[in-house]
Amino acid sequence: MTVPRSPVCLPNFFILGAGRCGTTSLVLALNQHPEVFIPGIKEPSFFASSFQWVQDPTKYVALYEDAGGATAIGDASHVYLEDPESPRTLQAFFPDARFVLVFRHPVNRALGLYAHMVEGGYETHRSFESALAAEDRRFHSERFRRTCGQSFWNYMYFRSGLFGEQVQRYYEHFDRDRFWFTTLDQLINEPTTTMRSLHDFLGIEPADVESLPRDGTSKGTRSIALQYAERRLLRPLARRTGDAGERVRTSVNRWNRNSVKPTMCSETRARLHRRFEPDLRLLHDLTGIDLLTPRTD
């Protein structure tokens, strides 16, 4: 006799990001709650037109086979915030969804994103200024979109930080009461109050969170070229050769990663503050989140 399988639940809330704003730590904290399920593949990105880690609908559904009786079932894919087509797509499939967003100042976030891309072996420019200068060329290059090997928006250090513009796109498709906003600063410094507010928003029993689990922040590398080679050569080699290849890859990463963090010159920082200011005013008008005051984090 065949035992009928339980129906698979799909997400009822989405952590939209923003990327490099503490969303991994947020996912770790939420998954400690017995009423929450977020799959092990944190960013399937299935409903984005620009980039997908999970492309097969069957595999996407399979991510949620173990959701069981969870009340809050989540998909944490920050590309949904950046991808202009995702709001309309999510509205078509999940009209009653809720959305969680965490922000930090976009200037600091841009440098953090660059460090993350360098550490992952995706960014080849040797300075943040050089990568930022390449953004317009990359943005208008169809070839770069097809071949960049990562989420295209992760290379958009300025454009991906236009939070006001991104939220405004979502407001065109969902009512404002479907959104919960906070900042990285609030998550770190007021974890219990902030997380209880989020639990209430998700319709689960509020619980104390004394401190937020910290995911390792990206640092620098001794050699950007070596880290690029690690991604392009050593990772595929490790998949083919097993433990021996993985030991080589681990040794390279141990030597090359966690060096001095990338920096941003003061002129670049001042220029970016000016460029982001109109969008940050829009973000404040739309959400009440105030990031206009420069911070270091």
C-alpha atoms as a PDB file:
ATOM      1  CA  MET A   1       0.000   0.000   0.000  1.00  0.00           C
ATOM      2  CA  THR A   2       1.352   3.403  -0.947  1.00  0.00           C
ATOM      3  CA  VAL A   3       1.301   5.915   1.867  1.00  0.00           C
ATOM      4  CA  PRO A   4       0.093   9.288   0.564  1.00  0.00           C
ATOM      5  CA  ARG A   5       2.681  12.019   0.854  1.00  0.00           C
ATOM      6  CA  SER A   6       1.898  15.140   2.791  1.00  0.00           C
ATOM      7  CA  PRO A   7       1.187  18.180   0.665  1.00  0.00           C
ATOM      8  CA  VAL A   8       4.160  20.463   0.197  1.00  0.00           C
ATOM      9  CA  CYS A   9       3.816  23.991   1.483  1.00  0.00           C
ATOM     10  CA  LEU A  10       5.384  26.877  -0.390  1.00  0.00           C
ATOM     11  CA  PRO A  11       6.667  30.171   1.054  1.00  0.00           C
ATOM     12  CA  ASN A  12       4.299  32.599   2.684  1.00  0.00           C
ATOM     13  CA  PHE A  13       6.986  35.181   3.407  1.00  0.00           C
ATOM     14  CA  PHE A  14      10.104  36.414   1.640  1.00  0.00           C
ATOM     15  CA  ILE A  15      13.251  37.980   3.062  1.00  0.00           C
ATOM     16  CA  LEU A  16      14.055  40.393   0.265  1.00  0.00           C
ATOM     17  CA  GLY A  17      17.348  41.579   1.678  1.00  0.00           C
ATOM     18  CA  ALA A  18      19.047  43.820   1.232  1.00  0.00           C
ATOM     19  CA  GLY A  19      22.128  41.744   0.508  1.00  0.00           C
ATOM     20  CA  ARG A  20      25.088  42.263   2.887  1.00  0.00           C
ATOM     21  CA  CYS A  21      22.736  43.766   5.478  1.00  0.00           C
ATOM     22  CA  GLY A  22      22.582  40.888   7.952  1.00  0.00           C
ATOM     23  CA  THR A  23      20.055  38.628   6.228  1.00  0.00           C
ATOM     24  CA  THR A  24      22.083  35.457   6.822  1.00  0.00           C
ATOM     25  CA  SER A  25      22.170  36.174  10.551  1.00  0.00           C
ATOM     26  CA  LEU A  26      18.457  36.922  10.413  1.00  0.00           C
ATOM     27  CA  VAL A  27      17.757  33.565   8.747  1.00  0.00           C
ATOM     28  CA  LEU A  28      19.815  31.753  11.386  1.00  0.00           C
ATOM     29  CA  ALA A  29      17.858  33.489  14.148  1.00  0.00           C
ATOM     30  CA  LEU A  30      14.476  32.794  12.564  1.00  0.00           C
ATOM     31  CA  ASN A  31      15.261  29.123  11.978  1.00  0.00           C
ATOM     32  CA  GLN A  32      15.758  28.717  15.732  1.00  0.00           C
ATOM     33  CA  HIS A  33      12.039  29.371  16.163  1.00  0.00           C
ATOM     34  CA  PRO A  34       9.952  26.155  16.099  1.00  0.00           C
ATOM     35  CA  GLU A  35       7.245  27.741  13.945  1.00  0.00           C
ATOM     36  CA  VAL A  36       9.609  28.885  11.161  1.00  0.00           C
ATOM     37  CA  PHE A  37      11.023  26.979   8.200  1.00  0.00           C
ATOM     38  CA  ILE A  38      13.569  28.422   5.772  1.00  0.00           C
ATOM     39  CA  PRO A  39      15.362  25.836   3.583  1.00  0.00           C
ATOM     40  CA  GLY A  40      19.063  25.116   3.737  1.00  0.00           C
ATOM     41  CA  ILE A  41      19.617  26.712   0.340  1.00  0.00           C
ATOM     42  CA  LYS A  42      19.219  30.257   1.615  1.00  0.00           C
ATOM     43  CA  GLU A  43      18.924  32.041  -1.729  1.00  0.00           C
ATOM     44  CA  PRO A  44      17.224  29.857  -4.352  1.00  0.00           C
ATOM     45  CA  SER A  45      16.381  33.012  -6.340  1.00  0.00           C
ATOM     46  CA  PHE A  46      13.852  31.001  -8.344  1.00  0.00           C
ATOM     47  CA  PHE A  47      11.521  33.937  -9.006  1.00  0.00           C
ATOM     48  CA  ALA A  48      14.184  36.254 -10.451  1.00  0.00           C
ATOM     49  CA  SER A  49      14.639  36.803 -14.157  1.00  0.00           C
ATOM     50  CA  SER A  50      18.276  37.875 -13.881  1.00  0.00           C
ATOM     51  CA  PHE A  51      19.754  35.017 -11.835  1.00  0.00           C
ATOM     52  CA  GLN A  52      18.654  31.703 -10.319  1.00  0.00           C
ATOM     53  CA  TRP A  53      20.541  29.296  -8.072  1.00  0.00           C
ATOM     54  CA  VAL A  54      17.605  26.880  -8.361  1.00  0.00           C
ATOM     55  CA  GLN A  55      16.180  26.775 -11.880  1.00  0.00           C
ATOM     56  CA  ASP A  56      14.070  23.610 -11.857  1.00  0.00           C
ATOM     57  CA  PRO A  57      10.543  24.068 -10.408  1.00  0.00           C
ATOM     58  CA  THR A  58      10.574  20.503  -9.085  1.00  0.00           C
ATOM     59  CA  LYS A  59      13.784  21.188  -7.169  1.00  0.00           C
ATOM     60  CA  TYR A  60      12.349  24.440  -5.827  1.00  0.00           C
ATOM     61  CA  VAL A  61       9.261  22.654  -4.497  1.00  0.00           C
ATOM     62  CA  ALA A  62      11.501  19.966  -2.990  1.00  0.00           C
ATOM     63  CA  LEU A  63      13.213  22.601  -0.846  1.00  0.00           C
ATOM     64  CA  TYR A  64       9.997  22.826   1.186  1.00  0.00           C
ATOM     65  CA  GLU A  65       9.223  19.133   1.617  1.00  0.00           C
ATOM     66  CA  ASP A  66      10.318  19.272   5.261  1.00  0.00           C
ATOM     67  CA  ALA A  67       8.371  22.408   6.176  1.00  0.00           C
ATOM     68  CA  GLY A  68       5.858  20.231   8.019  1.00  0.00           C
ATOM     69  CA  GLY A  69       3.474  22.248  10.121  1.00  0.00           C
ATOM     70  CA  ALA A  70       5.533  25.434  10.164  1.00  0.00           C
ATOM     71  CA  THR A  71       3.464  28.596  10.369  1.00  0.00           C
ATOM     72  CA  ALA A  72       6.017  30.876   8.703  1.00  0.00           C
ATOM     73  CA  ILE A  73       7.701  29.416   5.609  1.00  0.00           C
ATOM     74  CA  GLY A  74      10.329  31.593   3.996  1.00  0.00           C
ATOM     75  CA  ASP A  75      12.443  32.181   0.913  1.00  0.00           C
ATOM     76  CA  ALA A  76      15.432  34.444   1.579  1.00  0.00           C
ATOM     77  CA  SER A  77      16.619  35.612  -1.854  1.00  0.00           C
ATOM     78  CA  HIS A  78      17.894  39.185  -1.930  1.00  0.00           C
ATOM     79  CA  VAL A  79      17.962  39.261  -5.739  1.00  0.00           C
ATOM     80  CA  TYR A  80      14.161  39.594  -5.574  1.00  0.00           C
ATOM     81  CA  LEU A  81      14.679  43.113  -4.229  1.00  0.00           C
ATOM     82  CA  GLU A  82      17.088  44.131  -6.980  1.00  0.00           C
ATOM     83  CA  ASP A  83      15.495  42.362  -9.959  1.00  0.00           C
ATOM     84  CA  PRO A  84      12.893  44.705 -11.531  1.00  0.00           C
ATOM     85  CA  GLU A  85      10.697  41.787 -12.648  1.00  0.00           C
ATOM     86  CA  SER A  86      10.464  39.954  -9.307  1.00  0.00           C
ATOM     87  CA  PRO A  87       7.710  42.070  -7.660  1.00  0.00           C
ATOM     88  CA  ARG A  88       5.255  41.362 -10.456  1.00  0.00           C
ATOM     89  CA  THR A  89       6.195  37.673 -10.549  1.00  0.00           C
ATOM     90  CA  LEU A  90       5.796  37.245  -6.792  1.00  0.00           C
ATOM     91  CA  GLN A  91       2.463  39.061  -6.890  1.00  0.00           C
ATOM     92  CA  ALA A  92       1.208  36.586  -9.481  1.00  0.00           C
ATOM     93  CA  PHE A  93       2.177  33.497  -7.463  1.00  0.00           C
ATOM     94  CA  PHE A  94       2.011  34.772  -3.864  1.00  0.00           C
ATOM     95  CA  PRO A  95      -0.532  37.631  -3.670  1.00  0.00           C
ATOM     96  CA  ASP A  96      -0.854  37.259   0.127  1.00  0.00           C
ATOM     97  CA  ALA A  97       2.866  37.047   0.882  1.00  0.00           C
ATOM     98  CA  ARG A  98       4.645  39.058   3.544  1.00  0.00           C
ATOM     99  CA  PHE A  99       8.025  40.672   3.026  1.00  0.00           C
ATOM    100  CA  VAL A 100      10.947  41.257   5.382  1.00  0.00           C
ATOM    101  CA  LEU A 101      13.639  43.838   4.633  1.00  0.00           C
ATOM    102  CA  VAL A 102      16.812  44.841   6.478  1.00  0.00           C
ATOM    103  CA  PHE A 103      18.855  47.883   5.490  1.00  0.00           C
ATOM    104  CA  ARG A 104      22.181  49.486   6.309  1.00  0.00           C
ATOM    105  CA  HIS A 105      23.726  52.618   4.846  1.00  0.00           C
ATOM    106  CA  PRO A 106      24.237  51.825   1.145  1.00  0.00           C
ATOM    107  CA  VAL A 107      27.766  53.260   1.074  1.00  0.00           C
ATOM    108  CA  ASN A 108      28.989  50.837   3.746  1.00  0.00           C
ATOM    109  CA  ARG A 109      26.940  48.096   2.174  1.00  0.00           C
ATOM    110  CA  ALA A 110      28.541  48.708  -1.252  1.00  0.00           C
ATOM    111  CA  LEU A 111      32.031  48.194   0.165  1.00  0.00           C
ATOM    112  CA  GLY A 112      30.846  45.087   2.022  1.00  0.00           C
ATOM    113  CA  LEU A 113      29.404  43.705  -1.209  1.00  0.00           C
ATOM    114  CA  TYR A 114      32.688  44.319  -3.011  1.00  0.00           C
ATOM    115  CA  ALA A 115      34.580  42.470  -0.238  1.00  0.00           C
ATOM    116  CA  HIS A 116      32.118  39.581  -0.511  1.00  0.00           C
ATOM    117  CA  MET A 117      32.571  39.353  -4.280  1.00  0.00           C
ATOM    118  CA  VAL A 118      36.361  39.466  -3.987  1.00  0.00           C
ATOM    119  CA  GLU A 119      36.370  36.757  -1.336  1.00  0.00           C
ATOM    120  CA  GLY A 120      34.104  34.588  -3.467  1.00  0.00           C
ATOM    121  CA  GLY A 121      36.433  34.857  -6.455  1.00  0.00           C
ATOM    122  CA  TYR A 122      33.919  36.736  -8.615  1.00  0.00           C
ATOM    123  CA  GLU A 123      35.335  40.258  -8.613  1.00  0.00           C
ATOM    124  CA  THR A 124      38.642  40.821 -10.426  1.00  0.00           C
ATOM    125  CA  HIS A 125      39.075  44.584 -10.002  1.00  0.00           C
ATOM    126  CA  ARG A 126      41.843  45.293  -7.519  1.00  0.00           C
ATOM    127  CA  SER A 127      40.149  48.217  -5.776  1.00  0.00           C
ATOM    128  CA  PHE A 128      36.618  49.223  -4.899  1.00  0.00           C
ATOM    129  CA  GLU A 129      37.043  52.419  -6.933  1.00  0.00           C
ATOM    130  CA  SER A 130      37.999  50.437 -10.019  1.00  0.00           C
ATOM    131  CA  ALA A 131      35.020  48.086  -9.649  1.00  0.00           C
ATOM    132  CA  LEU A 132      32.676  51.023  -9.102  1.00  0.00           C
ATOM    133  CA  ALA A 133      34.018  52.734 -12.236  1.00  0.00           C
ATOM    134  CA  ALA A 134      33.257  49.568 -14.217  1.00  0.00           C
ATOM    135  CA  GLU A 135      29.598  49.515 -13.181  1.00  0.00           C
ATOM    136  CA  ASP A 136      28.157  51.516 -16.070  1.00  0.00           C
ATOM    137  CA  ARG A 137      30.014  49.447 -18.655  1.00  0.00           C
ATOM    138  CA  ARG A 138      28.927  46.218 -16.992  1.00  0.00           C
ATOM    139  CA  PHE A 139      25.330  47.383 -16.670  1.00  0.00           C
ATOM    140  CA  HIS A 140      25.019  48.061 -20.399  1.00  0.00           C
ATOM    141  CA  SER A 141      26.871  44.928 -21.517  1.00  0.00           C
ATOM    142  CA  GLU A 142      24.621  42.020 -22.502  1.00  0.00           C
ATOM    143  CA  ARG A 143      27.683  39.809 -22.717  1.00  0.00           C
ATOM    144  CA  PHE A 144      28.630  40.608 -19.121  1.00  0.00           C
ATOM    145  CA  ARG A 145      25.100  39.767 -17.945  1.00  0.00           C
ATOM    146  CA  ARG A 146      25.337  36.361 -19.608  1.00  0.00           C
ATOM    147  CA  THR A 147      28.858  35.443 -18.507  1.00  0.00           C
ATOM    148  CA  CYS A 148      29.483  37.100 -15.123  1.00  0.00           C
ATOM    149  CA  GLY A 149      28.954  33.828 -13.234  1.00  0.00           C
ATOM    150  CA  GLN A 150      27.082  35.376 -10.327  1.00  0.00           C
ATOM    151  CA  SER A 151      24.002  37.463  -9.756  1.00  0.00           C
ATOM    152  CA  PHE A 152      24.456  40.361 -12.166  1.00  0.00           C
ATOM    153  CA  TRP A 153      23.168  42.754  -9.507  1.00  0.00           C
ATOM    154  CA  ASN A 154      25.974  41.795  -7.126  1.00  0.00           C
ATOM    155  CA  TYR A 155      28.332  43.692  -9.434  1.00  0.00           C
ATOM    156  CA  MET A 156      26.125  46.794  -9.301  1.00  0.00           C
ATOM    157  CA  TYR A 157      27.646  48.360  -6.211  1.00  0.00           C
ATOM    158  CA  PHE A 158      25.675  51.585  -6.631  1.00  0.00           C
ATOM    159  CA  ARG A 159      22.523  50.470  -8.424  1.00  0.00           C
ATOM    160  CA  SER A 160      21.821  47.544  -6.095  1.00  0.00           C
ATOM    161  CA  GLY A 161      21.813  49.970  -3.150  1.00  0.00           C
ATOM    162  CA  LEU A 162      18.921  52.118  -4.419  1.00  0.00           C
ATOM    163  CA  PHE A 163      16.637  50.871  -1.676  1.00  0.00           C
ATOM    164  CA  GLY A 164      13.961  53.530  -2.044  1.00  0.00           C
ATOM    165  CA  GLU A 165      13.525  52.763  -5.728  1.00  0.00           C
ATOM    166  CA  GLN A 166      13.361  49.035  -4.986  1.00  0.00           C
ATOM    167  CA  VAL A 167      10.731  49.376  -2.252  1.00  0.00           C
ATOM    168  CA  GLN A 168       8.682  51.666  -4.476  1.00  0.00           C
ATOM    169  CA  ARG A 169       8.506  48.907  -7.118  1.00  0.00           C
ATOM    170  CA  TYR A 170       7.065  46.505  -4.548  1.00  0.00           C
ATOM    171  CA  TYR A 171       4.498  49.043  -3.376  1.00  0.00           C
ATOM    172  CA  GLU A 172       3.110  49.015  -6.916  1.00  0.00           C
ATOM    173  CA  HIS A 173       2.101  45.371  -6.439  1.00  0.00           C
ATOM    174  CA  PHE A 174       1.500  44.859  -2.701  1.00  0.00           C
ATOM    175  CA  ASP A 175      -0.179  46.793   0.101  1.00  0.00           C
ATOM    176  CA  ARG A 176       2.179  48.503   2.500  1.00  0.00           C
ATOM    177  CA  ASP A 177       1.021  46.460   5.482  1.00  0.00           C
ATOM    178  CA  ARG A 178       2.625  43.390   3.866  1.00  0.00           C
ATOM    179  CA  PHE A 179       6.114  44.746   4.657  1.00  0.00           C
ATOM    180  CA  TRP A 180       8.296  44.751   7.766  1.00  0.00           C
ATOM    181  CA  PHE A 181      11.401  46.930   7.829  1.00  0.00           C
ATOM    182  CA  THR A 182      14.386  47.213  10.127  1.00  0.00           C
ATOM    183  CA  THR A 183      18.076  48.107  10.000  1.00  0.00           C
ATOM    184  CA  LEU A 184      21.221  46.123  10.645  1.00  0.00           C
ATOM    185  CA  ASP A 185      21.938  48.476  13.544  1.00  0.00           C
ATOM    186  CA  GLN A 186      18.608  47.618  15.195  1.00  0.00           C
ATOM    187  CA  LEU A 187      19.127  43.894  14.665  1.00  0.00           C
ATOM    188  CA  ILE A 188      22.530  43.988  16.341  1.00  0.00           C
ATOM    189  CA  ASN A 189      21.799  46.420  19.179  1.00  0.00           C
ATOM    190  CA  GLU A 190      18.151  45.595  19.941  1.00  0.00           C
ATOM    191  CA  PRO A 191      17.799  41.902  19.034  1.00  0.00           C
ATOM    192  CA  THR A 192      15.000  40.977  21.438  1.00  0.00           C
ATOM    193  CA  THR A 193      12.745  43.929  20.650  1.00  0.00           C
ATOM    194  CA  THR A 194      13.415  43.699  16.918  1.00  0.00           C
ATOM    195  CA  MET A 195      12.924  39.945  16.629  1.00  0.00           C
ATOM    196  CA  ARG A 196       9.764  39.932  18.742  1.00  0.00           C
ATOM    197  CA  SER A 197       8.369  42.563  16.389  1.00  0.00           C
ATOM    198  CA  LEU A 198       9.240  40.349  13.427  1.00  0.00           C
ATOM    199  CA  HIS A 199       7.707  37.275  15.080  1.00  0.00           C
ATOM    200  CA  ASP A 200       4.485  39.196  15.572  1.00  0.00           C
ATOM    201  CA  PHE A 201       4.525  40.317  11.930  1.00  0.00           C
ATOM    202  CA  LEU A 202       4.925  36.687  10.782  1.00  0.00           C
ATOM    203  CA  GLY A 203       2.088  35.492  13.012  1.00  0.00           C
ATOM    204  CA  ILE A 204       4.213  33.298  15.263  1.00  0.00           C
ATOM    205  CA  GLU A 205       4.659  33.245  19.030  1.00  0.00           C
ATOM    206  CA  PRO A 206       7.053  36.065  20.026  1.00  0.00           C
ATOM    207  CA  ALA A 207      10.255  34.772  21.607  1.00  0.00           C
ATOM    208  CA  ASP A 208      13.277  36.446  23.131  1.00  0.00           C
ATOM    209  CA  VAL A 209      16.501  36.543  21.127  1.00  0.00           C
ATOM    210  CA  GLU A 210      19.346  37.689  23.355  1.00  0.00           C
ATOM    211  CA  SER A 211      21.853  38.072  20.540  1.00  0.00           C
ATOM    212  CA  LEU A 212      21.806  37.626  16.801  1.00  0.00           C
ATOM    213  CA  PRO A 213      23.846  34.733  15.378  1.00  0.00           C
ATOM    214  CA  ARG A 214      26.679  36.401  13.493  1.00  0.00           C
ATOM    215  CA  ASP A 215      27.582  35.122  10.066  1.00  0.00           C
ATOM    216  CA  GLY A 216      31.216  35.788   9.194  1.00  0.00           C
ATOM    217  CA  THR A 217      31.673  39.083   7.414  1.00  0.00           C
ATOM    218  CA  SER A 218      33.707  39.151   4.232  1.00  0.00           C
ATOM    219  CA  LYS A 219      37.267  40.340   4.469  1.00  0.00           C
ATOM    220  CA  GLY A 220      40.008  40.828   1.953  1.00  0.00           C
ATOM    221  CA  THR A 221      42.305  38.499   0.078  1.00  0.00           C
ATOM    222  CA  ARG A 222      46.053  38.624  -0.388  1.00  0.00           C
ATOM    223  CA  SER A 223      45.644  37.966  -4.110  1.00  0.00           C
ATOM    224  CA  ILE A 224      42.457  38.705  -6.031  1.00  0.00           C
ATOM    225  CA  ALA A 225      43.830  36.767  -8.998  1.00  0.00           C
ATOM    226  CA  LEU A 226      44.444  33.689  -6.840  1.00  0.00           C
ATOM    227  CA  GLN A 227      40.925  33.852  -5.433  1.00  0.00           C
ATOM    228  CA  TYR A 228      39.541  34.045  -8.961  1.00  0.00           C
ATOM    229  CA  ALA A 229      41.618  30.975  -9.884  1.00  0.00           C
ATOM    230  CA  GLU A 230      40.318  29.187  -6.794  1.00  0.00           C
ATOM    231  CA  ARG A 231      36.756  29.656  -8.036  1.00  0.00           C
ATOM    232  CA  ARG A 232      37.372  28.854 -11.685  1.00  0.00           C
ATOM    233  CA  LEU A 233      39.874  26.003 -11.302  1.00  0.00           C
ATOM    234  CA  LEU A 234      40.171  24.603  -7.788  1.00  0.00           C
ATOM    235  CA  ARG A 235      36.451  24.356  -6.985  1.00  0.00           C
ATOM    236  CA  PRO A 236      35.671  22.276 -10.105  1.00  0.00           C
ATOM    237  CA  LEU A 237      38.805  20.218  -9.428  1.00  0.00           C
ATOM    238  CA  ALA A 238      37.666  19.527  -5.869  1.00  0.00           C
ATOM    239  CA  ARG A 239      34.273  18.358  -7.116  1.00  0.00           C
ATOM    240  CA  ARG A 240      35.995  15.899  -9.484  1.00  0.00           C
ATOM    241  CA  THR A 241      38.759  14.631  -7.205  1.00  0.00           C
ATOM    242  CA  GLY A 242      37.057  14.617  -3.807  1.00  0.00           C
ATOM    243  CA  ASP A 243      39.083  14.928  -0.607  1.00  0.00           C
ATOM    244  CA  ALA A 244      42.478  15.525  -2.248  1.00  0.00           C
ATOM    245  CA  GLY A 245      41.239  18.446  -4.313  1.00  0.00           C
ATOM    246  CA  GLU A 246      39.290  19.835  -1.376  1.00  0.00           C
ATOM    247  CA  ARG A 247      42.420  19.840   0.791  1.00  0.00           C
ATOM    248  CA  VAL A 248      44.276  21.889  -1.821  1.00  0.00           C
ATOM    249  CA  ARG A 249      41.373  24.303  -2.110  1.00  0.00           C
ATOM    250  CA  THR A 250      41.099  24.650   1.663  1.00  0.00           C
ATOM    251  CA  SER A 251      44.816  25.358   1.981  1.00  0.00           C
ATOM    252  CA  VAL A 252      44.661  28.063  -0.675  1.00  0.00           C
ATOM    253  CA  ASN A 253      41.682  29.710   0.997  1.00  0.00           C
ATOM    254  CA  ARG A 254      43.280  29.544   4.431  1.00  0.00           C
ATOM    255  CA  TRP A 255      46.345  31.383   3.127  1.00  0.00           C
ATOM    256  CA  ASN A 256      44.605  33.813   0.800  1.00  0.00           C
ATOM    257  CA  ARG A 257      41.399  34.824   2.570  1.00  0.00           C
ATOM    258  CA  ASN A 258      40.809  36.867   5.710  1.00  0.00           C
ATOM    259  CA  SER A 259      43.486  39.384   4.910  1.00  0.00           C
ATOM    260  CA  VAL A 260      43.087  43.162   5.247  1.00  0.00           C
ATOM    261  CA  LYS A 261      39.584  44.362   4.403  1.00  0.00           C
ATOM    262  CA  PRO A 262      39.155  46.434   1.232  1.00  0.00           C
ATOM    263  CA  THR A 263      38.923  50.173   1.794  1.00  0.00           C
ATOM    264  CA  MET A 264      37.244  53.134   0.155  1.00  0.00           C
ATOM    265  CA  CYS A 265      38.928  56.507  -0.268  1.00  0.00           C
ATOM    266  CA  SER A 266      37.301  59.512   1.389  1.00  0.00           C
ATOM    267  CA  GLU A 267      36.520  61.192  -1.945  1.00  0.00           C
ATOM    268  CA  THR A 268      34.642  58.116  -3.161  1.00  0.00           C
ATOM    269  CA  ARG A 269      32.728  57.892   0.109  1.00  0.00           C
ATOM    270  CA  ALA A 270      31.674  61.534  -0.067  1.00  0.00           C
ATOM    271  CA  ARG A 271      30.628  61.215  -3.716  1.00  0.00           C
ATOM    272  CA  LEU A 272      28.549  58.112  -3.003  1.00  0.00           C
ATOM    273  CA  HIS A 273      26.841  59.799  -0.067  1.00  0.00           C
ATOM    274  CA  ARG A 274      25.718  62.558  -2.416  1.00  0.00           C
ATOM    275  CA  ARG A 275      24.576  60.088  -5.079  1.00  0.00           C
ATOM    276  CA  PHE A 276      22.553  58.017  -2.617  1.00  0.00           C
ATOM    277  CA  GLU A 277      20.933  60.941  -0.783  1.00  0.00           C
ATOM    278  CA  PRO A 278      17.838  61.398  -3.030  1.00  0.00           C
ATOM    279  CA  ASP A 279      17.067  57.675  -2.896  1.00  0.00           C
ATOM    280  CA  LEU A 280      17.543  57.572   0.874  1.00  0.00           C
ATOM    281  CA  ARG A 281      15.042  60.411   1.198  1.00  0.00           C
ATOM    282  CA  LEU A 282      12.611  58.359  -0.881  1.00  0.00           C
ATOM    283  CA  LEU A 283      13.243  55.330   1.349  1.00  0.00           C
ATOM    284  CA  HIS A 284      12.478  57.425   4.424  1.00  0.00           C
ATOM    285  CA  ASP A 285       9.265  58.735   2.900  1.00  0.00           C
ATOM    286  CA  LEU A 286       8.122  55.223   1.974  1.00  0.00           C
ATOM    287  CA  THR A 287       9.167  53.286   5.083  1.00  0.00           C
ATOM    288  CA  GLY A 288      10.206  55.635   7.880  1.00  0.00           C
ATOM    289  CA  ILE A 289      13.704  54.119   7.816  1.00  0.00           C
ATOM    290  CA  ASP A 290      16.266  56.905   8.234  1.00  0.00           C
ATOM    291  CA  LEU A 291      19.691  56.133   6.783  1.00  0.00           C
ATOM    292  CA  LEU A 292      20.545  59.708   5.857  1.00  0.00           C
ATOM    293  CA  THR A 293      22.913  60.145   8.785  1.00  0.00           C
ATOM    294  CA  PRO A 294      26.303  58.626   7.856  1.00  0.00           C
ATOM    295  CA  ARG A 295      27.394  55.715  10.044  1.00  0.00           C
ATOM    296  CA  THR A 296      30.364  53.396  10.219  1.00  0.00           C
ATOM    297  CA  ASP A 297      29.641  49.691  10.662  1.00  0.00           C
END
